[in-house]
Amino acid sequence: MLRSIESLYGYPVIARDGEIGSVDEAYFDDEAWGVRYLIVETGNLFDKERVLISPYSFERDNPESGTIKVDLTRQQVKDSPGIDTHKPVSRQHEIDYLGYYGYPAYWGGAYVWGMGSYPTFGAMGAAPGVEIDARMRRLEHEEDARTEDTHLRSTRAIKGYGIEAADGGIGHVHGFVFDDVAWVIRYLIVDTRNWWPGGKEVLIATRWLNHIDWIGSTVSTPLTRHEVRSSPLFSGTFPIDRSFEERLHKHYGQHEYWLPDGSEDSAVVEPVGER
């Protein structure tokens, strides 16, 4: 199901033995656009105000329930490695975090979630809270895993970035649309109303982006301003149905990511090229 990432903000996060806190923002990686962590505000519950919660821990639930249930205990979360979410999360911090819970590393595999298509845990590792398993120990001894840029970005930080089409500015990032099964950001919600009278909100797929300037706070696409202006109107209604996606892809002449050719779950989202 395609939903707004902002709809999760404020959701209570419920462990097996009680509430942990509420969702404040999401961290995604800027290569595959996978939603790697939710940042949860814990209040005075623990000795740390904010903790990372991975989709590996999520239990499947009714999206309209207004909560996120995790297969963890509050003690496990309390004892998890401390991470300062006000600073960039390093790859070493991720290794410590994933190793603590026994979760597999998502990077370096053939899919968005490493060796799997979706962030399902199951038999892929040990139970949460155990000592780092052999797979994570091997990662810890790989120098590139220690030094590689982690590419994690905050959804709150990217909101408001300008959108640059092939022939000029066309809007700004107003929100994010994610797939709540694959936990991948599929589209940016782009507000064009400051760029021309009578503008509207439109969707631009993350696959159709070719550059992000983190210093200049802009996102670029080879789509033209005319293509974006004439694209199907996004009404802001969720969940987004497949018929709207089909019209959107047909308008831009782009390949549908859901077709059975494996492209939907590729690890690195290739930007749109010549069409």
Protein backbone atom coordinates (compact mmCIF):
# COMPACT_ATOMS: atom_id res chain seq x y z
CA MET A 1 0.00 0.00 0.00
CA LEU A 2 1.27 3.48 -0.87
CA ARG A 3 1.00 5.92 2.02
CA SER A 4 2.38 9.28 3.11
CA ILE A 5 5.46 9.03 5.32
CA GLU A 6 4.13 12.06 7.21
CA SER A 7 1.08 10.03 8.21
CA LEU A 8 3.36 8.05 10.54
CA TYR A 9 4.49 11.09 12.51
CA GLY A 10 3.04 10.91 16.00
CA TYR A 11 2.15 7.21 15.73
CA PRO A 12 2.66 5.42 19.07
CA VAL A 13 5.25 2.62 18.84
CA ILE A 14 4.14 -0.39 20.88
CA ALA A 15 6.56 -3.08 22.11
CA ARG A 16 5.46 -6.48 23.37
CA ASP A 17 5.23 -5.12 26.92
CA GLY A 18 4.07 -1.56 26.40
CA GLU A 19 4.58 1.73 24.60
CA ILE A 20 8.06 2.96 23.65
CA GLY A 21 7.25 6.43 22.35
CA SER A 22 6.02 8.08 19.15
CA VAL A 23 7.38 8.45 15.61
CA ASP A 24 9.09 11.78 14.94
CA GLU A 25 10.73 11.26 11.53
CA ALA A 26 12.17 8.65 9.18
CA TYR A 27 15.68 7.99 7.89
CA PHE A 28 16.07 6.74 4.32
CA ASP A 29 19.15 6.03 2.24
CA ASP A 30 19.66 8.31 -0.74
CA GLU A 31 20.64 5.52 -3.15
CA ALA A 32 17.88 2.92 -2.95
CA TRP A 33 15.39 5.16 -1.07
CA GLY A 34 14.72 2.42 1.46
CA VAL A 35 13.20 3.61 4.75
CA ARG A 36 15.87 2.20 7.07
CA TYR A 37 14.75 3.54 10.44
CA LEU A 38 12.02 5.42 12.22
CA ILE A 39 13.17 7.89 14.86
CA VAL A 40 11.08 7.44 17.99
CA GLU A 41 10.76 10.08 20.71
CA THR A 42 10.74 8.23 24.04
CA GLY A 43 10.09 11.17 26.40
CA ASN A 44 11.29 10.31 29.90
CA LEU A 45 10.82 6.57 29.50
CA PHE A 46 14.51 5.77 28.92
CA ASP A 47 17.85 7.47 29.53
CA LYS A 48 17.86 8.47 25.85
CA GLU A 49 15.28 10.76 24.31
CA ARG A 50 15.34 9.30 20.80
CA VAL A 51 15.94 5.77 19.52
CA LEU A 52 16.13 4.09 16.13
CA ILE A 53 13.57 1.44 15.26
CA SER A 54 14.16 -0.69 12.16
CA PRO A 55 11.41 -2.06 9.88
CA TYR A 56 12.98 -5.47 10.56
CA SER A 57 11.19 -5.34 13.92
CA PHE A 58 7.76 -4.28 12.66
CA GLU A 59 4.76 -6.55 12.94
CA ARG A 60 2.33 -6.48 10.04
CA ASP A 61 -0.76 -4.61 11.16
CA ASN A 62 -3.74 -2.75 9.82
CA PRO A 63 -2.29 0.51 8.46
CA GLU A 64 -5.35 2.34 9.75
CA SER A 65 -4.71 1.21 13.33
CA GLY A 66 -2.74 4.37 14.08
CA THR A 67 0.05 2.47 15.85
CA ILE A 68 3.25 0.64 14.95
CA LYS A 69 3.80 -2.65 16.77
CA VAL A 70 7.33 -4.02 17.11
CA ASP A 71 8.49 -7.49 18.08
CA LEU A 72 10.75 -6.12 20.82
CA THR A 73 10.60 -5.51 24.54
CA ARG A 74 11.06 -2.11 26.13
CA GLN A 75 14.20 -3.41 27.87
CA GLN A 76 15.72 -4.41 24.54
CA VAL A 77 15.11 -0.91 23.20
CA LYS A 78 16.46 0.67 26.38
CA ASP A 79 19.68 -1.38 26.15
CA SER A 80 20.20 -0.79 22.41
CA PRO A 81 23.33 1.10 21.27
CA GLY A 82 23.02 4.82 21.86
CA ILE A 83 22.96 6.89 18.66
CA ASP A 84 22.91 10.69 18.46
CA THR A 85 20.24 11.23 15.80
CA HIS A 86 21.14 14.93 15.65
CA LYS A 87 24.40 13.92 13.93
CA PRO A 88 24.99 11.79 10.81
CA VAL A 89 24.54 8.11 11.60
CA SER A 90 27.81 6.39 10.68
CA ARG A 91 28.07 2.95 9.14
CA GLN A 92 29.88 1.75 12.27
CA HIS A 93 26.90 2.87 14.37
CA GLU A 94 24.61 0.93 12.06
CA ILE A 95 26.81 -2.16 12.38
CA ASP A 96 26.61 -1.91 16.16
CA TYR A 97 22.83 -1.40 16.04
CA LEU A 98 22.08 -4.22 13.59
CA GLY A 99 24.51 -6.52 15.37
CA TYR A 100 22.84 -5.88 18.73
CA TYR A 101 19.45 -6.95 17.38
CA GLY A 102 20.87 -9.70 15.16
CA TYR A 103 19.44 -8.09 12.02
CA PRO A 104 21.07 -8.55 8.59
CA ALA A 105 22.89 -5.66 6.92
CA TYR A 106 20.78 -4.12 4.15
CA TRP A 107 23.71 -2.82 2.10
CA GLY A 108 25.78 -4.70 -0.46
CA GLY A 109 23.11 -7.12 -1.65
CA ALA A 110 21.16 -7.45 -4.87
CA TYR A 111 17.95 -5.96 -3.50
CA VAL A 112 16.77 -2.88 -1.65
CA TRP A 113 17.00 -4.88 1.58
CA GLY A 114 20.27 -6.65 0.84
CA MET A 115 19.60 -10.35 0.44
CA GLY A 116 15.83 -10.00 0.66
CA SER A 117 13.16 -8.12 -1.22
CA TYR A 118 11.41 -6.85 1.92
CA PRO A 119 12.47 -6.08 5.49
CA THR A 120 11.16 -9.36 6.87
CA PHE A 121 13.27 -10.85 9.61
CA GLY A 122 12.16 -14.44 10.25
CA ALA A 123 15.05 -16.89 10.08
CA MET A 124 17.54 -14.42 8.60
CA GLY A 125 19.36 -13.91 11.89
CA ALA A 126 19.38 -14.51 15.62
CA ALA A 127 16.81 -13.27 18.09
CA PRO A 128 16.90 -9.56 19.01
CA GLY A 129 19.20 -8.63 21.87
CA VAL A 130 21.76 -11.40 21.33
CA GLU A 131 25.46 -11.00 20.79
CA ILE A 132 26.60 -10.01 17.25
CA ASP A 133 26.38 -13.06 15.01
CA ALA A 134 29.04 -14.34 12.62
CA ARG A 135 27.67 -12.45 9.62
CA MET A 136 27.92 -9.12 11.44
CA ARG A 137 31.38 -10.00 12.77
CA ARG A 138 32.60 -10.44 9.19
CA LEU A 139 31.16 -7.05 8.30
CA GLU A 140 32.94 -5.43 11.21
CA HIS A 141 36.29 -6.59 9.82
CA GLU A 142 35.68 -5.18 6.37
CA GLU A 143 37.35 -1.79 6.10
CA ASP A 144 34.96 -0.56 3.44
CA ALA A 145 32.00 -1.23 5.73
CA ARG A 146 33.61 0.99 8.39
CA THR A 147 34.53 3.88 6.14
CA GLU A 148 31.80 3.93 3.50
CA ASP A 149 29.35 6.85 3.56
CA THR A 150 26.08 5.70 5.06
CA HIS A 151 23.86 7.87 2.83
CA LEU A 152 21.14 8.18 5.47
CA ARG A 153 18.90 11.24 5.21
CA SER A 154 16.03 12.58 7.29
CA THR A 155 12.62 13.05 5.71
CA ARG A 156 12.14 16.21 7.77
CA ALA A 157 15.45 17.65 6.51
CA ILE A 158 14.66 17.06 2.80
CA LYS A 159 11.17 18.55 2.93
CA GLY A 160 11.25 21.96 1.26
CA TYR A 161 14.12 21.16 -1.13
CA GLY A 162 13.65 22.80 -4.52
CA ILE A 163 12.87 20.66 -7.59
CA GLU A 164 14.91 21.42 -10.70
CA ALA A 165 13.51 20.13 -13.99
CA ALA A 166 15.67 19.87 -17.12
CA ASP A 167 14.74 23.44 -18.07
CA GLY A 168 14.35 25.19 -14.72
CA GLY A 169 12.74 25.19 -11.30
CA ILE A 170 9.32 23.59 -11.00
CA GLY A 171 8.44 23.26 -7.31
CA HIS A 172 9.60 22.00 -3.94
CA VAL A 173 9.45 18.75 -1.98
CA HIS A 174 6.25 18.74 0.03
CA GLY A 175 6.17 15.13 1.20
CA PHE A 176 7.02 11.49 0.57
CA VAL A 177 5.00 8.47 -0.58
CA PHE A 178 6.26 5.10 0.61
CA ASP A 179 5.36 1.46 0.11
CA ASP A 180 4.46 0.04 3.54
CA VAL A 181 5.36 -3.52 2.49
CA ALA A 182 8.76 -2.93 0.87
CA TRP A 183 9.45 0.15 3.02
CA VAL A 184 10.72 2.08 0.02
CA ILE A 185 9.97 5.71 -0.87
CA ARG A 186 8.35 5.51 -4.31
CA TYR A 187 7.48 9.17 -4.96
CA LEU A 188 8.16 12.72 -3.90
CA ILE A 189 5.09 14.91 -3.46
CA VAL A 190 5.98 18.10 -5.32
CA ASP A 191 4.17 21.39 -4.70
CA THR A 192 4.33 23.55 -7.83
CA ARG A 193 2.04 26.36 -6.67
CA ASN A 194 4.84 28.82 -5.96
CA TRP A 195 6.20 28.37 -9.49
CA TRP A 196 3.14 29.27 -11.54
CA PRO A 197 -0.41 30.56 -10.92
CA GLY A 198 -2.89 27.74 -10.57
CA GLY A 199 -0.15 25.21 -9.80
CA LYS A 200 -0.88 21.87 -8.17
CA GLU A 201 0.66 18.98 -6.30
CA VAL A 202 2.17 16.25 -8.46
CA LEU A 203 4.11 13.04 -7.89
CA ILE A 204 7.62 12.44 -9.23
CA ALA A 205 9.02 8.95 -8.75
CA THR A 206 12.35 8.66 -6.98
CA ARG A 207 13.44 6.53 -9.94
CA TRP A 208 13.08 9.63 -12.12
CA LEU A 209 15.61 11.70 -10.19
CA ASN A 210 19.20 12.07 -11.34
CA HIS A 211 20.89 14.28 -8.75
CA ILE A 212 20.45 15.65 -5.24
CA ASP A 213 22.47 18.69 -4.19
CA TRP A 214 22.68 18.44 -0.40
CA ILE A 215 24.52 21.75 -0.14
CA GLY A 216 22.25 23.66 -2.51
CA SER A 217 19.12 21.90 -1.17
CA THR A 218 17.79 20.93 -4.59
CA VAL A 219 16.60 17.73 -6.27
CA SER A 220 17.06 17.41 -10.03
CA THR A 221 15.17 15.43 -12.65
CA PRO A 222 15.63 15.21 -16.44
CA LEU A 223 11.85 15.60 -16.80
CA THR A 224 10.84 18.92 -18.37
CA ARG A 225 8.73 21.64 -16.75
CA HIS A 226 6.01 21.04 -19.34
CA GLU A 227 5.90 17.32 -18.51
CA VAL A 228 5.58 18.06 -14.80
CA ARG A 229 2.97 20.81 -15.31
CA SER A 230 0.81 18.55 -17.48
CA SER A 231 1.12 15.45 -15.30
CA PRO A 232 -1.95 13.95 -13.58
CA LEU A 233 -3.11 15.97 -10.58
CA PHE A 234 -2.34 14.39 -7.24
CA SER A 235 -5.39 14.86 -5.04
CA GLY A 236 -3.62 14.03 -1.79
CA THR A 237 -5.85 10.99 -1.30
CA PHE A 238 -4.31 7.85 0.24
CA PRO A 239 -3.82 5.04 -0.36
CA ILE A 240 -2.82 5.64 -3.98
CA ASP A 241 -4.36 3.11 -6.32
CA ARG A 242 -2.59 1.33 -9.16
CA SER A 243 -4.72 2.96 -11.86
CA PHE A 244 -3.36 6.39 -10.89
CA GLU A 245 0.20 5.02 -11.00
CA GLU A 246 -0.47 3.58 -14.45
CA ARG A 247 -1.67 6.96 -15.73
CA LEU A 248 1.34 8.66 -14.18
CA HIS A 249 3.87 6.30 -15.75
CA LYS A 250 2.11 6.44 -19.11
CA HIS A 251 2.21 10.26 -19.03
CA TYR A 252 5.97 10.27 -18.50
CA GLY A 253 6.59 7.28 -20.79
CA GLN A 254 8.30 5.40 -17.97
CA HIS A 255 8.55 1.70 -17.19
CA GLU A 256 6.25 0.51 -14.40
CA TYR A 257 8.28 -0.62 -11.38
CA TRP A 258 5.70 -3.28 -10.40
CA LEU A 259 5.96 -5.34 -13.60
CA PRO A 260 7.33 -8.87 -13.04
CA ASP A 261 10.87 -8.27 -14.28
CA GLY A 262 12.57 -7.81 -10.90
CA SER A 263 13.06 -4.06 -11.29
CA GLU A 264 10.75 -3.18 -8.39
CA ASP A 265 13.17 -4.48 -5.78
CA SER A 266 16.52 -3.66 -7.35
CA ALA A 267 19.05 -2.51 -4.78
CA VAL A 268 20.05 0.74 -6.46
CA VAL A 269 17.32 2.82 -8.02
CA GLU A 270 18.58 3.85 -11.42
CA PRO A 271 17.67 7.42 -12.40
CA VAL A 272 15.61 8.06 -15.50
CA GLY A 273 17.65 8.47 -18.65
CA GLU A 274 16.87 9.05 -22.27
CA ARG A 275 13.35 8.06 -23.16
